[in-house]
């Protein structure tokens, strides 16, 4: 139990750690709960001396380091599964831009793609970043620019029409993104190629 003479922040830390220890004891995670969690519990129950706070903080940092390690490890151990997700992501973008969704829904968002792949947006973003080195948004924008480069050579359509076809509400946003990614405006790119 937490002592009553603890500062408010220490009481919160104490209660949090006790709930972690309690839940870890009754879950499959209990096999991997290190002794240091028990050390923190012991330190919280004892009278706090000048070393206790430092030991508690160090053990909490260690706990958080383990959490980050377990989170990052899933990207390594599920490598074959992630390749399949990236392929599905690519297929999703291809089918999205081949359909009428850009005109009806607009540009695909990271949240939309994650939802279609049955993943949380944060996990999906981390996965794409780990596998490709680009954020999910950068990946979508690069796909969009590659499709735009193909469509730009259709001289029957104006740049504004191409922008609307790709899902942009405002052609200026398309021109700005195109110039940012390609280094030339859509019209310059069309005339030089």
C-alpha atoms as a PDB file:
ATOM      1  CA  UNK A   1       0.000   0.000   0.000  1.00  0.00           C
ATOM      2  CA  UNK A   2       1.069   3.566  -0.634  1.00  0.00           C
ATOM      3  CA  UNK A   3       2.078   5.613   2.381  1.00  0.00           C
ATOM      4  CA  UNK A   4      -0.044   8.602   3.317  1.00  0.00           C
ATOM      5  CA  UNK A   5       2.948  10.934   3.679  1.00  0.00           C
ATOM      6  CA  UNK A   6       3.795  10.796  -0.045  1.00  0.00           C
ATOM      7  CA  UNK A   7       3.516  13.847  -2.269  1.00  0.00           C
ATOM      8  CA  UNK A   8       0.540  13.808  -4.695  1.00  0.00           C
ATOM      9  CA  UNK A   9       2.708  12.880  -7.694  1.00  0.00           C
ATOM     10  CA  UNK A  10       4.337  10.092  -5.690  1.00  0.00           C
ATOM     11  CA  UNK A  11       0.906   8.758  -4.678  1.00  0.00           C
ATOM     12  CA  UNK A  12      -0.131   8.635  -8.345  1.00  0.00           C
ATOM     13  CA  UNK A  13       3.092   6.835  -9.245  1.00  0.00           C
ATOM     14  CA  UNK A  14       2.601   4.441  -6.363  1.00  0.00           C
ATOM     15  CA  UNK A  15      -1.000   3.641  -7.335  1.00  0.00           C
ATOM     16  CA  UNK A  16      -0.064   3.232 -10.991  1.00  0.00           C
ATOM     17  CA  UNK A  17       2.781   0.885 -10.208  1.00  0.00           C
ATOM     18  CA  UNK A  18       0.631  -1.151  -7.833  1.00  0.00           C
ATOM     19  CA  UNK A  19      -2.006  -1.579 -10.542  1.00  0.00           C
ATOM     20  CA  UNK A  20       0.669  -2.579 -13.068  1.00  0.00           C
ATOM     21  CA  UNK A  21       2.103  -5.115 -10.637  1.00  0.00           C
ATOM     22  CA  UNK A  22      -1.354  -6.447  -9.823  1.00  0.00           C
ATOM     23  CA  UNK A  23      -2.453  -6.754 -13.465  1.00  0.00           C
ATOM     24  CA  UNK A  24       0.904  -8.186 -14.506  1.00  0.00           C
ATOM     25  CA  UNK A  25       0.612 -10.820 -11.808  1.00  0.00           C
ATOM     26  CA  UNK A  26      -2.620 -12.130 -13.286  1.00  0.00           C
ATOM     27  CA  UNK A  27      -1.738 -11.997 -16.977  1.00  0.00           C
ATOM     28  CA  UNK A  28       0.524 -13.896 -19.326  1.00  0.00           C
ATOM     29  CA  UNK A  29       2.905 -10.960 -18.993  1.00  0.00           C
ATOM     30  CA  UNK A  30       3.647 -12.151 -15.451  1.00  0.00           C
ATOM     31  CA  UNK A  31       6.314 -14.492 -16.774  1.00  0.00           C
ATOM     32  CA  UNK A  32       8.265 -11.503 -18.044  1.00  0.00           C
ATOM     33  CA  UNK A  33       7.668  -9.116 -15.147  1.00  0.00           C
ATOM     34  CA  UNK A  34      11.185  -8.341 -13.963  1.00  0.00           C
ATOM     35  CA  UNK A  35      12.216  -8.287 -10.353  1.00  0.00           C
ATOM     36  CA  UNK A  36      12.627  -4.534 -10.595  1.00  0.00           C
ATOM     37  CA  UNK A  37       8.852  -4.063 -10.454  1.00  0.00           C
ATOM     38  CA  UNK A  38       8.864  -5.772  -7.113  1.00  0.00           C
ATOM     39  CA  UNK A  39      11.778  -3.539  -6.116  1.00  0.00           C
ATOM     40  CA  UNK A  40       9.701  -0.457  -6.893  1.00  0.00           C
ATOM     41  CA  UNK A  41       6.828  -1.833  -4.857  1.00  0.00           C
ATOM     42  CA  UNK A  42       9.210  -2.478  -1.975  1.00  0.00           C
ATOM     43  CA  UNK A  43      10.660   1.054  -2.224  1.00  0.00           C
ATOM     44  CA  UNK A  44       7.171   2.560  -2.224  1.00  0.00           C
ATOM     45  CA  UNK A  45       6.185   0.662   0.917  1.00  0.00           C
ATOM     46  CA  UNK A  46       9.300   1.634   2.861  1.00  0.00           C
ATOM     47  CA  UNK A  47       9.966   5.017   4.370  1.00  0.00           C
ATOM     48  CA  UNK A  48      11.452   7.214   1.682  1.00  0.00           C
ATOM     49  CA  UNK A  49      15.091   8.128   2.209  1.00  0.00           C
ATOM     50  CA  UNK A  50      17.333  10.182  -0.038  1.00  0.00           C
ATOM     51  CA  UNK A  51      17.929   7.237  -2.407  1.00  0.00           C
ATOM     52  CA  UNK A  52      14.384   5.920  -2.745  1.00  0.00           C
ATOM     53  CA  UNK A  53      13.125   8.552  -5.160  1.00  0.00           C
ATOM     54  CA  UNK A  54      16.119   8.065  -7.441  1.00  0.00           C
ATOM     55  CA  UNK A  55      15.647   4.271  -7.355  1.00  0.00           C
ATOM     56  CA  UNK A  56      11.921   4.580  -8.065  1.00  0.00           C
ATOM     57  CA  UNK A  57      12.507   6.936 -11.001  1.00  0.00           C
ATOM     58  CA  UNK A  58      15.236   4.681 -12.386  1.00  0.00           C
ATOM     59  CA  UNK A  59      12.947   1.659 -12.183  1.00  0.00           C
ATOM     60  CA  UNK A  60      10.063   3.514 -13.817  1.00  0.00           C
ATOM     61  CA  UNK A  61      12.408   4.586 -16.637  1.00  0.00           C
ATOM     62  CA  UNK A  62      13.449   0.952 -16.995  1.00  0.00           C
ATOM     63  CA  UNK A  63       9.795  -0.088 -17.201  1.00  0.00           C
ATOM     64  CA  UNK A  64       9.155   2.501 -19.915  1.00  0.00           C
ATOM     65  CA  UNK A  65      12.276   1.368 -21.798  1.00  0.00           C
ATOM     66  CA  UNK A  66      10.939  -2.184 -21.739  1.00  0.00           C
ATOM     67  CA  UNK A  67       7.575  -0.960 -23.045  1.00  0.00           C
ATOM     68  CA  UNK A  68       9.265   0.827 -25.958  1.00  0.00           C
ATOM     69  CA  UNK A  69      11.379  -2.264 -26.593  1.00  0.00           C
ATOM     70  CA  UNK A  70       8.316  -4.525 -26.749  1.00  0.00           C
ATOM     71  CA  UNK A  71       6.534  -2.045 -29.022  1.00  0.00           C
ATOM     72  CA  UNK A  72       9.494  -1.812 -31.414  1.00  0.00           C
ATOM     73  CA  UNK A  73      10.095  -5.551 -31.302  1.00  0.00           C
ATOM     74  CA  UNK A  74       6.730  -6.258 -32.902  1.00  0.00           C
ATOM     75  CA  UNK A  75       7.950  -4.607 -36.096  1.00  0.00           C
ATOM     76  CA  UNK A  76      10.903  -6.998 -36.209  1.00  0.00           C
ATOM     77  CA  UNK A  77       9.092 -10.208 -35.295  1.00  0.00           C
ATOM     78  CA  UNK A  78       6.146  -9.602 -37.628  1.00  0.00           C
ATOM     79  CA  UNK A  79       8.211  -8.717 -40.683  1.00  0.00           C
ATOM     80  CA  UNK A  80       6.471 -11.183 -43.021  1.00  0.00           C
ATOM     81  CA  UNK A  81       3.046  -9.931 -41.932  1.00  0.00           C
ATOM     82  CA  UNK A  82       4.062  -6.311 -42.502  1.00  0.00           C
ATOM     83  CA  UNK A  83       5.146  -6.956 -46.092  1.00  0.00           C
ATOM     84  CA  UNK A  84       1.628  -8.169 -46.788  1.00  0.00           C
ATOM     85  CA  UNK A  85       0.165  -5.020 -45.258  1.00  0.00           C
ATOM     86  CA  UNK A  86       2.361  -2.792 -47.422  1.00  0.00           C
ATOM     87  CA  UNK A  87       1.239  -4.700 -50.517  1.00  0.00           C
ATOM     88  CA  UNK A  88      -2.381  -4.287 -49.434  1.00  0.00           C
ATOM     89  CA  UNK A  89      -1.723  -0.587 -48.839  1.00  0.00           C
ATOM     90  CA  UNK A  90      -0.357  -0.224 -52.375  1.00  0.00           C
ATOM     91  CA  UNK A  91      -3.369  -2.132 -53.779  1.00  0.00           C
ATOM     92  CA  UNK A  92      -5.706   0.053 -51.725  1.00  0.00           C
ATOM     93  CA  UNK A  93      -4.178   3.225 -53.156  1.00  0.00           C
ATOM     94  CA  UNK A  94      -4.291   1.853 -56.707  1.00  0.00           C
ATOM     95  CA  UNK A  95      -7.946   0.879 -56.434  1.00  0.00           C
ATOM     96  CA  UNK A  96      -8.765   4.170 -54.695  1.00  0.00           C
ATOM     97  CA  UNK A  97      -7.367   6.292 -57.530  1.00  0.00           C
ATOM     98  CA  UNK A  98      -8.871   4.030 -60.214  1.00  0.00           C
ATOM     99  CA  UNK A  99     -12.336   4.485 -58.701  1.00  0.00           C
ATOM    100  CA  UNK A 100     -14.502   7.583 -58.363  1.00  0.00           C
ATOM    101  CA  UNK A 101     -13.584   7.946 -54.667  1.00  0.00           C
ATOM    102  CA  UNK A 102     -11.197  10.862 -55.204  1.00  0.00           C
ATOM    103  CA  UNK A 103     -14.034  12.907 -56.717  1.00  0.00           C
ATOM    104  CA  UNK A 104     -16.605  11.839 -54.100  1.00  0.00           C
ATOM    105  CA  UNK A 105     -14.519  11.483 -50.923  1.00  0.00           C
ATOM    106  CA  UNK A 106     -11.430  13.539 -51.704  1.00  0.00           C
ATOM    107  CA  UNK A 107      -7.821  12.659 -51.042  1.00  0.00           C
ATOM    108  CA  UNK A 108      -7.151   9.454 -49.101  1.00  0.00           C
ATOM    109  CA  UNK A 109      -6.061  10.111 -45.540  1.00  0.00           C
ATOM    110  CA  UNK A 110      -3.811   8.016 -43.334  1.00  0.00           C
ATOM    111  CA  UNK A 111      -6.799   7.336 -41.069  1.00  0.00           C
ATOM    112  CA  UNK A 112      -8.886   6.139 -44.040  1.00  0.00           C
ATOM    113  CA  UNK A 113      -6.142   3.766 -45.221  1.00  0.00           C
ATOM    114  CA  UNK A 114      -5.521   2.447 -41.708  1.00  0.00           C
ATOM    115  CA  UNK A 115      -9.233   1.829 -41.238  1.00  0.00           C
ATOM    116  CA  UNK A 116      -9.481  -0.019 -44.552  1.00  0.00           C
ATOM    117  CA  UNK A 117      -6.541  -2.212 -43.481  1.00  0.00           C
ATOM    118  CA  UNK A 118      -8.089  -2.752 -40.011  1.00  0.00           C
ATOM    119  CA  UNK A 119      -5.240  -1.046 -38.142  1.00  0.00           C
ATOM    120  CA  UNK A 120      -5.072   1.932 -35.849  1.00  0.00           C
ATOM    121  CA  UNK A 121      -3.749   5.091 -37.556  1.00  0.00           C
ATOM    122  CA  UNK A 122      -0.788   5.370 -35.153  1.00  0.00           C
ATOM    123  CA  UNK A 123       0.268   1.740 -35.553  1.00  0.00           C
ATOM    124  CA  UNK A 124      -0.192   1.968 -39.315  1.00  0.00           C
ATOM    125  CA  UNK A 125       1.890   5.151 -39.478  1.00  0.00           C
ATOM    126  CA  UNK A 126       4.669   3.570 -37.411  1.00  0.00           C
ATOM    127  CA  UNK A 127       4.591   0.451 -39.570  1.00  0.00           C
ATOM    128  CA  UNK A 128       4.881   2.364 -42.850  1.00  0.00           C
ATOM    129  CA  UNK A 129       7.678   4.515 -41.425  1.00  0.00           C
ATOM    130  CA  UNK A 130       9.652   1.471 -40.207  1.00  0.00           C
ATOM    131  CA  UNK A 131       9.229  -0.421 -43.484  1.00  0.00           C
ATOM    132  CA  UNK A 132       9.668   2.379 -46.034  1.00  0.00           C
ATOM    133  CA  UNK A 133      11.482   5.163 -44.201  1.00  0.00           C
ATOM    134  CA  UNK A 134       8.628   7.523 -45.150  1.00  0.00           C
ATOM    135  CA  UNK A 135       5.588   8.573 -43.212  1.00  0.00           C
ATOM    136  CA  UNK A 136       2.267   7.188 -44.402  1.00  0.00           C
ATOM    137  CA  UNK A 137       1.291  10.678 -45.588  1.00  0.00           C
ATOM    138  CA  UNK A 138       4.517  11.000 -47.606  1.00  0.00           C
ATOM    139  CA  UNK A 139       3.837   7.574 -49.122  1.00  0.00           C
ATOM    140  CA  UNK A 140       0.313   8.626 -50.134  1.00  0.00           C
ATOM    141  CA  UNK A 141       1.584  11.927 -51.541  1.00  0.00           C
ATOM    142  CA  UNK A 142       4.323  10.188 -53.563  1.00  0.00           C
ATOM    143  CA  UNK A 143       1.731   7.803 -55.019  1.00  0.00           C
ATOM    144  CA  UNK A 144      -0.478  10.776 -55.822  1.00  0.00           C
ATOM    145  CA  UNK A 145       2.367  12.618 -57.567  1.00  0.00           C
ATOM    146  CA  UNK A 146       3.285   9.533 -59.632  1.00  0.00           C
ATOM    147  CA  UNK A 147      -0.314   9.253 -60.827  1.00  0.00           C
ATOM    148  CA  UNK A 148      -0.386  13.008 -61.502  1.00  0.00           C
ATOM    149  CA  UNK A 149       2.774  12.744 -63.613  1.00  0.00           C
ATOM    150  CA  UNK A 150       1.033  10.208 -65.839  1.00  0.00           C
ATOM    151  CA  UNK A 151      -2.179  12.239 -66.119  1.00  0.00           C
ATOM    152  CA  UNK A 152      -0.377  15.510 -66.775  1.00  0.00           C
ATOM    153  CA  UNK A 153       0.410  14.385 -70.332  1.00  0.00           C
ATOM    154  CA  UNK A 154      -3.276  14.190 -71.213  1.00  0.00           C
ATOM    155  CA  UNK A 155      -3.490  17.503 -73.077  1.00  0.00           C
ATOM    156  CA  UNK A 156      -7.288  17.163 -73.256  1.00  0.00           C
ATOM    157  CA  UNK A 157      -7.467  18.008 -69.537  1.00  0.00           C
ATOM    158  CA  UNK A 158      -6.400  21.160 -67.797  1.00  0.00           C
ATOM    159  CA  UNK A 159      -4.272  21.029 -64.679  1.00  0.00           C
ATOM    160  CA  UNK A 160      -7.346  22.042 -62.690  1.00  0.00           C
ATOM    161  CA  UNK A 161      -9.326  19.104 -64.074  1.00  0.00           C
ATOM    162  CA  UNK A 162      -6.496  16.744 -63.184  1.00  0.00           C
ATOM    163  CA  UNK A 163      -6.404  18.193 -59.663  1.00  0.00           C
ATOM    164  CA  UNK A 164     -10.145  17.636 -59.233  1.00  0.00           C
ATOM    165  CA  UNK A 165      -9.862  14.099 -60.672  1.00  0.00           C
ATOM    166  CA  UNK A 166      -7.205  13.287 -58.077  1.00  0.00           C
ATOM    167  CA  UNK A 167      -9.395  14.499 -55.217  1.00  0.00           C
ATOM    168  CA  UNK A 168      -8.117  18.009 -54.561  1.00  0.00           C
ATOM    169  CA  UNK A 169     -10.751  20.572 -53.623  1.00  0.00           C
ATOM    170  CA  UNK A 170      -8.545  23.404 -54.809  1.00  0.00           C
ATOM    171  CA  UNK A 171      -6.201  23.184 -57.826  1.00  0.00           C
ATOM    172  CA  UNK A 172      -3.769  25.535 -56.073  1.00  0.00           C
ATOM    173  CA  UNK A 173      -3.131  22.883 -53.404  1.00  0.00           C
ATOM    174  CA  UNK A 174      -2.337  20.360 -56.129  1.00  0.00           C
ATOM    175  CA  UNK A 175       0.028  22.778 -57.883  1.00  0.00           C
ATOM    176  CA  UNK A 176       1.785  23.570 -54.598  1.00  0.00           C
ATOM    177  CA  UNK A 177       2.238  19.888 -53.686  1.00  0.00           C
ATOM    178  CA  UNK A 178       3.364  19.019 -57.213  1.00  0.00           C
ATOM    179  CA  UNK A 179       5.976  21.793 -57.222  1.00  0.00           C
ATOM    180  CA  UNK A 180       7.145  20.826 -53.742  1.00  0.00           C
ATOM    181  CA  UNK A 181       7.623  17.159 -54.718  1.00  0.00           C
ATOM    182  CA  UNK A 182       8.764  17.490 -58.344  1.00  0.00           C
ATOM    183  CA  UNK A 183      10.525  20.846 -58.312  1.00  0.00           C
ATOM    184  CA  UNK A 184       8.429  22.188 -61.192  1.00  0.00           C
ATOM    185  CA  UNK A 185       4.870  23.371 -61.524  1.00  0.00           C
ATOM    186  CA  UNK A 186       2.469  21.015 -63.329  1.00  0.00           C
ATOM    187  CA  UNK A 187       2.469  23.267 -66.407  1.00  0.00           C
ATOM    188  CA  UNK A 188       6.295  23.452 -66.472  1.00  0.00           C
ATOM    189  CA  UNK A 189       6.482  19.689 -66.135  1.00  0.00           C
ATOM    190  CA  UNK A 190       3.986  19.227 -68.968  1.00  0.00           C
ATOM    191  CA  UNK A 191       5.826  21.595 -71.298  1.00  0.00           C
ATOM    192  CA  UNK A 192       9.325  20.210 -70.562  1.00  0.00           C
ATOM    193  CA  UNK A 193       8.365  16.571 -71.053  1.00  0.00           C
END
